[in-house]
Amino acid sequence: MFSICSHGFRTAIWKNRFASWAIGYLMSETLRNIPIGTIAILTSIEGNPEFIRRLNELGFLPGTKFTLLRRAPFGGPVEVSYGNTRIAFRPDASVTIHIHVLS
């Protein structure tokens, strides 16, 4: 769901049982840029539809609060934890995972 803010920017709005918030695309970060141990919320995934479908099947959906646990060197796999689940995946160059950092 998208809306236009008072400044004319496109804004994604996610609502779930925990909170309501609006996240602007121009201020969003990506999974590649955050340090290990960061707690964040997944806002969107862009790129390969098969990769996105697989992450969605694993429960890694927009609005999910997660922690970045590990990152392999040289663009290798990352490990994230959300709820009682831990997954590791290798985001390739064609996939961008947008997040909102909480801490």
PDB file of N, CA and C in Angstrom:
ATOM      1  N   MET A   1       0.842  -1.161   0.000  1.00  0.00           N
ATOM      2  CA  MET A   1       0.000   0.000   0.000  1.00  0.00           C
ATOM      3  C   MET A   1       0.892   1.230   0.000  1.00  0.00           C
ATOM      4  N   PHE A   2       0.593   2.173  -0.852  1.00  0.00           N
ATOM      5  CA  PHE A   2       1.400   3.371  -0.968  1.00  0.00           C
ATOM      6  C   PHE A   2       0.539   4.616  -0.812  1.00  0.00           C
ATOM      7  N   SER A   3       1.161   5.682  -0.377  1.00  0.00           N
ATOM      8  CA  SER A   3       0.513   6.984  -0.326  1.00  0.00           C
ATOM      9  C   SER A   3       1.555   8.041  -0.685  1.00  0.00           C
ATOM     10  N   ILE A   4       1.097   9.245  -0.922  1.00  0.00           N
ATOM     11  CA  ILE A   4       1.983  10.363  -1.244  1.00  0.00           C
ATOM     12  C   ILE A   4       2.008  11.300  -0.041  1.00  0.00           C
ATOM     13  N   CYS A   5       3.216  11.579   0.477  1.00  0.00           N
ATOM     14  CA  CYS A   5       3.319  12.461   1.637  1.00  0.00           C
ATOM     15  C   CYS A   5       3.148  13.916   1.204  1.00  0.00           C
ATOM     16  N   SER A   6       3.150  14.824   2.170  1.00  0.00           N
ATOM     17  CA  SER A   6       2.920  16.237   1.882  1.00  0.00           C
ATOM     18  C   SER A   6       4.010  16.861   1.026  1.00  0.00           C
ATOM     19  N   HIS A   7       5.192  16.213   0.948  1.00  0.00           N
ATOM     20  CA  HIS A   7       6.292  16.710   0.132  1.00  0.00           C
ATOM     21  C   HIS A   7       6.301  16.102  -1.260  1.00  0.00           C
ATOM     22  N   GLY A   8       5.341  15.212  -1.541  1.00  0.00           N
ATOM     23  CA  GLY A   8       5.238  14.611  -2.861  1.00  0.00           C
ATOM     24  C   GLY A   8       6.013  13.327  -3.047  1.00  0.00           C
ATOM     25  N   PHE A   9       6.573  12.759  -1.967  1.00  0.00           N
ATOM     26  CA  PHE A   9       7.324  11.511  -2.079  1.00  0.00           C
ATOM     27  C   PHE A   9       6.396  10.319  -1.906  1.00  0.00           C
ATOM     28  N   ARG A  10       6.691   9.249  -2.640  1.00  0.00           N
ATOM     29  CA  ARG A  10       5.937   8.009  -2.522  1.00  0.00           C
ATOM     30  C   ARG A  10       6.349   7.317  -1.227  1.00  0.00           C
ATOM     31  N   THR A  11       5.385   6.920  -0.416  1.00  0.00           N
ATOM     32  CA  THR A  11       5.644   6.346   0.890  1.00  0.00           C
ATOM     33  C   THR A  11       4.931   5.009   1.019  1.00  0.00           C
ATOM     34  N   ALA A  12       5.649   3.998   1.498  1.00  0.00           N
ATOM     35  CA  ALA A  12       5.046   2.689   1.752  1.00  0.00           C
ATOM     36  C   ALA A  12       4.456   2.680   3.151  1.00  0.00           C
ATOM     37  N   ILE A  13       3.268   2.135   3.301  1.00  0.00           N
ATOM     38  CA  ILE A  13       2.620   2.060   4.605  1.00  0.00           C
ATOM     39  C   ILE A  13       2.350   0.597   4.913  1.00  0.00           C
ATOM     40  N   TRP A  14       2.882   0.126   6.040  1.00  0.00           N
ATOM     41  CA  TRP A  14       2.672  -1.254   6.480  1.00  0.00           C
ATOM     42  C   TRP A  14       1.958  -1.215   7.810  1.00  0.00           C
ATOM     43  N   LYS A  15       0.923  -2.006   7.953  1.00  0.00           N
ATOM     44  CA  LYS A  15       0.213  -2.084   9.220  1.00  0.00           C
ATOM     45  C   LYS A  15       0.169  -3.541   9.643  1.00  0.00           C
ATOM     46  N   ASN A  16       0.482  -3.790  10.899  1.00  0.00           N
ATOM     47  CA  ASN A  16       0.333  -5.131  11.435  1.00  0.00           C
ATOM     48  C   ASN A  16      -0.118  -5.030  12.881  1.00  0.00           C
ATOM     49  N   ARG A  17      -0.176  -6.168  13.574  1.00  0.00           N
ATOM     50  CA  ARG A  17      -0.713  -6.168  14.923  1.00  0.00           C
ATOM     51  C   ARG A  17       0.196  -5.494  15.940  1.00  0.00           C
ATOM     52  N   PHE A  18       1.467  -5.251  15.603  1.00  0.00           N
ATOM     53  CA  PHE A  18       2.392  -4.654  16.555  1.00  0.00           C
ATOM     54  C   PHE A  18       2.381  -3.126  16.511  1.00  0.00           C
ATOM     55  N   ALA A  19       2.317  -2.568  15.315  1.00  0.00           N
ATOM     56  CA  ALA A  19       2.422  -1.111  15.213  1.00  0.00           C
ATOM     57  C   ALA A  19       1.992  -0.656  13.836  1.00  0.00           C
ATOM     58  N   SER A  20       1.814   0.626  13.705  1.00  0.00           N
ATOM     59  CA  SER A  20       1.570   1.242  12.404  1.00  0.00           C
ATOM     60  C   SER A  20       2.656   2.275  12.199  1.00  0.00           C
ATOM     61  N   TRP A  21       3.206   2.310  11.023  1.00  0.00           N
ATOM     62  CA  TRP A  21       4.228   3.300  10.730  1.00  0.00           C
ATOM     63  C   TRP A  21       4.281   3.529   9.221  1.00  0.00           C
ATOM     64  N   ALA A  22       4.823   4.637   8.844  1.00  0.00           N
ATOM     65  CA  ALA A  22       5.026   4.944   7.433  1.00  0.00           C
ATOM     66  C   ALA A  22       6.523   5.034   7.200  1.00  0.00           C
ATOM     67  N   ILE A  23       6.978   4.437   6.114  1.00  0.00           N
ATOM     68  CA  ILE A  23       8.404   4.391   5.826  1.00  0.00           C
ATOM     69  C   ILE A  23       8.624   4.972   4.437  1.00  0.00           C
ATOM     70  N   GLY A  24       9.440   6.008   4.335  1.00  0.00           N
ATOM     71  CA  GLY A  24       9.726   6.626   3.049  1.00  0.00           C
ATOM     72  C   GLY A  24      10.826   5.891   2.308  1.00  0.00           C
ATOM     73  N   TYR A  25      10.645   5.696   1.003  1.00  0.00           N
ATOM     74  CA  TYR A  25      11.650   4.998   0.216  1.00  0.00           C
ATOM     75  C   TYR A  25      12.984   5.746   0.175  1.00  0.00           C
ATOM     76  N   LEU A  26      12.958   7.065   0.167  1.00  0.00           N
ATOM     77  CA  LEU A  26      14.206   7.817   0.064  1.00  0.00           C
ATOM     78  C   LEU A  26      15.053   7.687   1.324  1.00  0.00           C
ATOM     79  N   MET A  27      14.446   7.322   2.445  1.00  0.00           N
ATOM     80  CA  MET A  27      15.181   7.219   3.690  1.00  0.00           C
ATOM     81  C   MET A  27      15.422   5.766   4.084  1.00  0.00           C
ATOM     82  N   SER A  28      14.991   4.808   3.274  1.00  0.00           N
ATOM     83  CA  SER A  28      15.149   3.406   3.642  1.00  0.00           C
ATOM     84  C   SER A  28      16.589   2.963   3.455  1.00  0.00           C
ATOM     85  N   GLU A  29      16.975   1.958   4.207  1.00  0.00           N
ATOM     86  CA  GLU A  29      18.303   1.376   4.101  1.00  0.00           C
ATOM     87  C   GLU A  29      18.161   0.004   3.464  1.00  0.00           C
ATOM     88  N   THR A  30      19.300  -0.605   3.139  1.00  0.00           N
ATOM     89  CA  THR A  30      19.274  -1.943   2.587  1.00  0.00           C
ATOM     90  C   THR A  30      20.003  -2.895   3.524  1.00  0.00           C
ATOM     91  N   LEU A  31      19.731  -4.169   3.354  1.00  0.00           N
ATOM     92  CA  LEU A  31      20.344  -5.188   4.202  1.00  0.00           C
ATOM     93  C   LEU A  31      21.862  -5.198   4.062  1.00  0.00           C
ATOM     94  N   ARG A  32      22.375  -4.781   2.913  1.00  0.00           N
ATOM     95  CA  ARG A  32      23.828  -4.773   2.680  1.00  0.00           C
ATOM     96  C   ARG A  32      24.559  -3.725   3.508  1.00  0.00           C
ATOM     97  N   ASN A  33      23.841  -2.689   3.959  1.00  0.00           N
ATOM     98  CA  ASN A  33      24.488  -1.540   4.599  1.00  0.00           C
ATOM     99  C   ASN A  33      24.487  -1.557   6.120  1.00  0.00           C
ATOM    100  N   ILE A  34      23.789  -2.486   6.745  1.00  0.00           N
ATOM    101  CA  ILE A  34      23.649  -2.416   8.204  1.00  0.00           C
ATOM    102  C   ILE A  34      24.667  -3.309   8.913  1.00  0.00           C
ATOM    103  N   PRO A  35      25.067  -2.950  10.130  1.00  0.00           N
ATOM    104  CA  PRO A  35      26.025  -3.764  10.870  1.00  0.00           C
ATOM    105  C   PRO A  35      25.364  -4.996  11.492  1.00  0.00           C
ATOM    106  N   ILE A  36      26.170  -5.983  11.818  1.00  0.00           N
ATOM    107  CA  ILE A  36      25.696  -7.204  12.454  1.00  0.00           C
ATOM    108  C   ILE A  36      25.118  -6.859  13.824  1.00  0.00           C
ATOM    109  N   GLY A  37      24.021  -7.513  14.179  1.00  0.00           N
ATOM    110  CA  GLY A  37      23.355  -7.256  15.449  1.00  0.00           C
ATOM    111  C   GLY A  37      22.256  -6.226  15.366  1.00  0.00           C
ATOM    112  N   THR A  38      22.068  -5.627  14.212  1.00  0.00           N
ATOM    113  CA  THR A  38      21.045  -4.604  14.030  1.00  0.00           C
ATOM    114  C   THR A  38      19.657  -5.225  14.013  1.00  0.00           C
ATOM    115  N   ILE A  39      18.722  -4.587  14.695  1.00  0.00           N
ATOM    116  CA  ILE A  39      17.317  -4.987  14.658  1.00  0.00           C
ATOM    117  C   ILE A  39      16.620  -4.067  13.669  1.00  0.00           C
ATOM    118  N   ALA A  40      15.858  -4.663  12.743  1.00  0.00           N
ATOM    119  CA  ALA A  40      15.223  -3.875  11.683  1.00  0.00           C
ATOM    120  C   ALA A  40      13.890  -4.495  11.288  1.00  0.00           C
ATOM    121  N   ILE A  41      13.162  -3.773  10.459  1.00  0.00           N
ATOM    122  CA  ILE A  41      11.892  -4.247   9.912  1.00  0.00           C
ATOM    123  C   ILE A  41      12.028  -4.298   8.400  1.00  0.00           C
ATOM    124  N   LEU A  42      11.642  -5.404   7.808  1.00  0.00           N
ATOM    125  CA  LEU A  42      11.661  -5.549   6.355  1.00  0.00           C
ATOM    126  C   LEU A  42      10.549  -4.701   5.760  1.00  0.00           C
ATOM    127  N   THR A  43      10.905  -3.821   4.828  1.00  0.00           N
ATOM    128  CA  THR A  43       9.892  -2.979   4.187  1.00  0.00           C
ATOM    129  C   THR A  43       9.549  -3.467   2.784  1.00  0.00           C
ATOM    130  N   SER A  44      10.533  -3.890   2.008  1.00  0.00           N
ATOM    131  CA  SER A  44      10.239  -4.406   0.665  1.00  0.00           C
ATOM    132  C   SER A  44      11.446  -5.164   0.127  1.00  0.00           C
ATOM    133  N   ILE A  45      11.172  -6.003  -0.860  1.00  0.00           N
ATOM    134  CA  ILE A  45      12.221  -6.731  -1.573  1.00  0.00           C
ATOM    135  C   ILE A  45      11.993  -6.490  -3.054  1.00  0.00           C
ATOM    136  N   GLU A  46      13.029  -6.083  -3.747  1.00  0.00           N
ATOM    137  CA  GLU A  46      12.937  -5.832  -5.188  1.00  0.00           C
ATOM    138  C   GLU A  46      13.916  -6.743  -5.908  1.00  0.00           C
ATOM    139  N   GLY A  47      13.503  -7.235  -7.081  1.00  0.00           N
ATOM    140  CA  GLY A  47      14.414  -8.042  -7.882  1.00  0.00           C
ATOM    141  C   GLY A  47      13.798  -9.335  -8.356  1.00  0.00           C
ATOM    142  N   ASN A  48      14.573 -10.408  -8.291  1.00  0.00           N
ATOM    143  CA  ASN A  48      14.200 -11.722  -8.792  1.00  0.00           C
ATOM    144  C   ASN A  48      12.910 -12.228  -8.133  1.00  0.00           C
ATOM    145  N   PRO A  49      11.828 -12.420  -8.907  1.00  0.00           N
ATOM    146  CA  PRO A  49      10.557 -12.852  -8.317  1.00  0.00           C
ATOM    147  C   PRO A  49      10.618 -14.226  -7.654  1.00  0.00           C
ATOM    148  N   GLU A  50      11.434 -15.139  -8.183  1.00  0.00           N
ATOM    149  CA  GLU A  50      11.549 -16.467  -7.566  1.00  0.00           C
ATOM    150  C   GLU A  50      12.208 -16.386  -6.191  1.00  0.00           C
ATOM    151  N   PHE A  51      13.224 -15.531  -6.062  1.00  0.00           N
ATOM    152  CA  PHE A  51      13.897 -15.332  -4.776  1.00  0.00           C
ATOM    153  C   PHE A  51      12.932 -14.709  -3.774  1.00  0.00           C
ATOM    154  N   ILE A  52      12.171 -13.716  -4.220  1.00  0.00           N
ATOM    155  CA  ILE A  52      11.193 -13.054  -3.349  1.00  0.00           C
ATOM    156  C   ILE A  52      10.132 -14.060  -2.897  1.00  0.00           C
ATOM    157  N   ARG A  53       9.643 -14.883  -3.816  1.00  0.00           N
ATOM    158  CA  ARG A  53       8.636 -15.885  -3.479  1.00  0.00           C
ATOM    159  C   ARG A  53       9.168 -16.847  -2.423  1.00  0.00           C
ATOM    160  N   ARG A  54      10.408 -17.281  -2.568  1.00  0.00           N
ATOM    161  CA  ARG A  54      11.007 -18.218  -1.609  1.00  0.00           C
ATOM    162  C   ARG A  54      11.129 -17.597  -0.218  1.00  0.00           C
ATOM    163  N   LEU A  55      11.577 -16.340  -0.140  1.00  0.00           N
ATOM    164  CA  LEU A  55      11.661 -15.671   1.163  1.00  0.00           C
ATOM    165  C   LEU A  55      10.273 -15.521   1.775  1.00  0.00           C
ATOM    166  N   ASN A  56       9.272 -15.209   0.958  1.00  0.00           N
ATOM    167  CA  ASN A  56       7.902 -15.090   1.465  1.00  0.00           C
ATOM    168  C   ASN A  56       7.385 -16.424   1.985  1.00  0.00           C
ATOM    169  N   GLU A  57       7.724 -17.525   1.308  1.00  0.00           N
ATOM    170  CA  GLU A  57       7.329 -18.849   1.774  1.00  0.00           C
ATOM    171  C   GLU A  57       7.950 -19.178   3.127  1.00  0.00           C
ATOM    172  N   LEU A  58       9.138 -18.656   3.379  1.00  0.00           N
ATOM    173  CA  LEU A  58       9.826 -18.874   4.653  1.00  0.00           C
ATOM    174  C   LEU A  58       9.338 -17.922   5.751  1.00  0.00           C
ATOM    175  N   GLY A  59       8.392 -17.037   5.427  1.00  0.00           N
ATOM    176  CA  GLY A  59       7.834 -16.114   6.412  1.00  0.00           C
ATOM    177  C   GLY A  59       8.564 -14.797   6.522  1.00  0.00           C
ATOM    178  N   PHE A  60       9.505 -14.534   5.637  1.00  0.00           N
ATOM    179  CA  PHE A  60      10.246 -13.270   5.647  1.00  0.00           C
ATOM    180  C   PHE A  60       9.475 -12.285   4.773  1.00  0.00           C
ATOM    181  N   LEU A  61       8.452 -11.671   5.374  1.00  0.00           N
ATOM    182  CA  LEU A  61       7.496 -10.813   4.670  1.00  0.00           C
ATOM    183  C   LEU A  61       7.669  -9.356   5.068  1.00  0.00           C
ATOM    184  N   PRO A  62       7.195  -8.421   4.247  1.00  0.00           N
ATOM    185  CA  PRO A  62       7.209  -7.012   4.660  1.00  0.00           C
ATOM    186  C   PRO A  62       6.484  -6.837   5.992  1.00  0.00           C
ATOM    187  N   GLY A  63       7.101  -6.078   6.886  1.00  0.00           N
ATOM    188  CA  GLY A  63       6.567  -5.878   8.224  1.00  0.00           C
ATOM    189  C   GLY A  63       7.199  -6.780   9.263  1.00  0.00           C
ATOM    190  N   THR A  64       8.044  -7.728   8.835  1.00  0.00           N
ATOM    191  CA  THR A  64       8.697  -8.656   9.757  1.00  0.00           C
ATOM    192  C   THR A  64       9.846  -7.965  10.483  1.00  0.00           C
ATOM    193  N   LYS A  65       9.847  -8.062  11.811  1.00  0.00           N
ATOM    194  CA  LYS A  65      10.946  -7.536  12.628  1.00  0.00           C
ATOM    195  C   LYS A  65      12.001  -8.630  12.725  1.00  0.00           C
ATOM    196  N   PHE A  66      13.258  -8.307  12.403  1.00  0.00           N
ATOM    197  CA  PHE A  66      14.317  -9.309  12.383  1.00  0.00           C
ATOM    198  C   PHE A  66      15.618  -8.737  12.917  1.00  0.00           C
ATOM    199  N   THR A  67      16.571  -9.645  13.190  1.00  0.00           N
ATOM    200  CA  THR A  67      17.917  -9.277  13.627  1.00  0.00           C
ATOM    201  C   THR A  67      18.920  -9.870  12.655  1.00  0.00           C
ATOM    202  N   LEU A  68      19.872  -9.056  12.207  1.00  0.00           N
ATOM    203  CA  LEU A  68      20.949  -9.552  11.353  1.00  0.00           C
ATOM    204  C   LEU A  68      21.983 -10.219  12.251  1.00  0.00           C
ATOM    205  N   LEU A  69      22.169 -11.546  12.087  1.00  0.00           N
ATOM    206  CA  LEU A  69      23.068 -12.297  12.962  1.00  0.00           C
ATOM    207  C   LEU A  69      24.483 -12.406  12.414  1.00  0.00           C
ATOM    208  N   ARG A  70      24.616 -12.745  11.133  1.00  0.00           N
ATOM    209  CA  ARG A  70      25.947 -12.937  10.533  1.00  0.00           C
ATOM    210  C   ARG A  70      25.942 -12.510   9.079  1.00  0.00           C
ATOM    211  N   ARG A  71      27.124 -12.202   8.592  1.00  0.00           N
ATOM    212  CA  ARG A  71      27.319 -11.882   7.180  1.00  0.00           C
ATOM    213  C   ARG A  71      28.654 -12.467   6.756  1.00  0.00           C
ATOM    214  N   ALA A  72      28.632 -13.286   5.714  1.00  0.00           N
ATOM    215  CA  ALA A  72      29.875 -13.862   5.191  1.00  0.00           C
ATOM    216  C   ALA A  72      30.612 -12.801   4.384  1.00  0.00           C
ATOM    217  N   PRO A  73      31.943 -12.910   4.306  1.00  0.00           N
ATOM    218  CA  PRO A  73      32.704 -11.909   3.548  1.00  0.00           C
ATOM    219  C   PRO A  73      32.475 -12.025   2.045  1.00  0.00           C
ATOM    220  N   PHE A  74      32.827 -10.968   1.343  1.00  0.00           N
ATOM    221  CA  PHE A  74      32.796 -10.901  -0.121  1.00  0.00           C
ATOM    222  C   PHE A  74      31.414 -11.145  -0.705  1.00  0.00           C
ATOM    223  N   GLY A  75      30.376 -10.597  -0.070  1.00  0.00           N
ATOM    224  CA  GLY A  75      29.030 -10.706  -0.614  1.00  0.00           C
ATOM    225  C   GLY A  75      28.405 -12.072  -0.447  1.00  0.00           C
ATOM    226  N   GLY A  76      28.870 -12.843   0.526  1.00  0.00           N
ATOM    227  CA  GLY A  76      28.337 -14.174   0.767  1.00  0.00           C
ATOM    228  C   GLY A  76      26.988 -14.133   1.465  1.00  0.00           C
ATOM    229  N   PRO A  77      26.543 -15.286   1.964  1.00  0.00           N
ATOM    230  CA  PRO A  77      25.229 -15.367   2.612  1.00  0.00           C
ATOM    231  C   PRO A  77      25.134 -14.523   3.880  1.00  0.00           C
ATOM    232  N   VAL A  78      23.895 -14.165   4.225  1.00  0.00           N
ATOM    233  CA  VAL A  78      23.599 -13.483   5.476  1.00  0.00           C
ATOM    234  C   VAL A  78      22.672 -14.388   6.269  1.00  0.00           C
ATOM    235  N   GLU A  79      22.741 -14.272   7.597  1.00  0.00           N
ATOM    236  CA  GLU A  79      21.839 -15.024   8.462  1.00  0.00           C
ATOM    237  C   GLU A  79      21.002 -14.032   9.247  1.00  0.00           C
ATOM    238  N   VAL A  80      19.688 -14.233   9.211  1.00  0.00           N
ATOM    239  CA  VAL A  80      18.771 -13.368   9.952  1.00  0.00           C
ATOM    240  C   VAL A  80      17.908 -14.233  10.863  1.00  0.00           C
ATOM    241  N   SER A  81      17.421 -13.604  11.925  1.00  0.00           N
ATOM    242  CA  SER A  81      16.563 -14.268  12.888  1.00  0.00           C
ATOM    243  C   SER A  81      15.290 -13.450  13.044  1.00  0.00           C
ATOM    244  N   TYR A  82      14.137 -14.113  12.973  1.00  0.00           N
ATOM    245  CA  TYR A  82      12.854 -13.449  13.214  1.00  0.00           C
ATOM    246  C   TYR A  82      11.921 -14.468  13.864  1.00  0.00           C
ATOM    247  N   GLY A  83      11.222 -14.029  14.903  1.00  0.00           N
ATOM    248  CA  GLY A  83      10.381 -14.963  15.652  1.00  0.00           C
ATOM    249  C   GLY A  83      11.232 -16.094  16.202  1.00  0.00           C
ATOM    250  N   ASN A  84      10.833 -17.331  15.937  1.00  0.00           N
ATOM    251  CA  ASN A  84      11.609 -18.505  16.344  1.00  0.00           C
ATOM    252  C   ASN A  84      12.360 -19.095  15.163  1.00  0.00           C
ATOM    253  N   THR A  85      12.570 -18.321  14.128  1.00  0.00           N
ATOM    254  CA  THR A  85      13.156 -18.810  12.879  1.00  0.00           C
ATOM    255  C   THR A  85      14.492 -18.134  12.608  1.00  0.00           C
ATOM    256  N   ARG A  86      15.424 -18.930  12.104  1.00  0.00           N
ATOM    257  CA  ARG A  86      16.709 -18.407  11.622  1.00  0.00           C
ATOM    258  C   ARG A  86      16.886 -18.913  10.204  1.00  0.00           C
ATOM    259  N   ILE A  87      17.174 -17.996   9.267  1.00  0.00           N
ATOM    260  CA  ILE A  87      17.427 -18.411   7.889  1.00  0.00           C
ATOM    261  C   ILE A  87      18.713 -17.758   7.395  1.00  0.00           C
ATOM    262  N   ALA A  88      19.344 -18.427   6.459  1.00  0.00           N
ATOM    263  CA  ALA A  88      20.528 -17.880   5.797  1.00  0.00           C
ATOM    264  C   ALA A  88      20.245 -17.895   4.301  1.00  0.00           C
ATOM    265  N   PHE A  89      20.599 -16.822   3.638  1.00  0.00           N
ATOM    266  CA  PHE A  89      20.402 -16.738   2.195  1.00  0.00           C
ATOM    267  C   PHE A  89      21.460 -15.846   1.592  1.00  0.00           C
ATOM    268  N   ARG A  90      21.660 -15.999   0.305  1.00  0.00           N
ATOM    269  CA  ARG A  90      22.648 -15.211  -0.422  1.00  0.00           C
ATOM    270  C   ARG A  90      21.907 -14.247  -1.351  1.00  0.00           C
ATOM    271  N   PRO A  91      21.762 -12.977  -0.941  1.00  0.00           N
ATOM    272  CA  PRO A  91      21.119 -12.025  -1.839  1.00  0.00           C
ATOM    273  C   PRO A  91      22.074 -11.681  -2.988  1.00  0.00           C
ATOM    274  N   ASP A  92      21.659 -11.955  -4.211  1.00  0.00           N
ATOM    275  CA  ASP A  92      22.541 -11.660  -5.344  1.00  0.00           C
ATOM    276  C   ASP A  92      22.457 -10.186  -5.716  1.00  0.00           C
ATOM    277  N   ALA A  93      23.213  -9.799  -6.712  1.00  0.00           N
ATOM    278  CA  ALA A  93      23.310  -8.388  -7.095  1.00  0.00           C
ATOM    279  C   ALA A  93      22.001  -7.848  -7.653  1.00  0.00           C
ATOM    280  N   SER A  94      21.122  -8.730  -8.132  1.00  0.00           N
ATOM    281  CA  SER A  94      19.864  -8.263  -8.723  1.00  0.00           C
ATOM    282  C   SER A  94      18.751  -8.098  -7.699  1.00  0.00           C
ATOM    283  N   VAL A  95      19.025  -8.368  -6.423  1.00  0.00           N
ATOM    284  CA  VAL A  95      17.998  -8.280  -5.370  1.00  0.00           C
ATOM    285  C   VAL A  95      18.379  -7.174  -4.393  1.00  0.00           C
ATOM    286  N   THR A  96      17.418  -6.310  -4.071  1.00  0.00           N
ATOM    287  CA  THR A  96      17.609  -5.265  -3.083  1.00  0.00           C
ATOM    288  C   THR A  96      16.573  -5.452  -1.975  1.00  0.00           C
ATOM    289  N   ILE A  97      17.034  -5.565  -0.740  1.00  0.00           N
ATOM    290  CA  ILE A  97      16.154  -5.753   0.404  1.00  0.00           C
ATOM    291  C   ILE A  97      16.144  -4.447   1.198  1.00  0.00           C
ATOM    292  N   HIS A  98      15.010  -3.758   1.169  1.00  0.00           N
ATOM    293  CA  HIS A  98      14.859  -2.478   1.863  1.00  0.00           C
ATOM    294  C   HIS A  98      14.364  -2.735   3.287  1.00  0.00           C
ATOM    295  N   ILE A  99      14.943  -1.994   4.231  1.00  0.00           N
ATOM    296  CA  ILE A  99      14.610  -2.183   5.636  1.00  0.00           C
ATOM    297  C   ILE A  99      14.451  -0.839   6.340  1.00  0.00           C
ATOM    298  N   HIS A 100      13.883  -0.878   7.524  1.00  0.00           N
ATOM    299  CA  HIS A 100      13.800   0.277   8.419  1.00  0.00           C
ATOM    300  C   HIS A 100      14.501  -0.135   9.707  1.00  0.00           C
ATOM    301  N   VAL A 101      15.583   0.535  10.053  1.00  0.00           N
ATOM    302  CA  VAL A 101      16.411   0.167  11.211  1.00  0.00           C
ATOM    303  C   VAL A 101      15.738   0.653  12.493  1.00  0.00           C
ATOM    304  N   LEU A 102      15.628  -0.253  13.468  1.00  0.00           N
ATOM    305  CA  LEU A 102      15.065   0.098  14.784  1.00  0.00           C
ATOM    306  C   LEU A 102      16.164   0.370  15.798  1.00  0.00           C
ATOM    307  N   SER A 103      17.247  -0.416  15.770  1.00  0.00           N
ATOM    308  CA  SER A 103      18.350  -0.171  16.712  1.00  0.00           C
ATOM    309  C   SER A 103      19.651  -0.678  16.143  1.00  0.00           C
TER     310      SER A 103
END
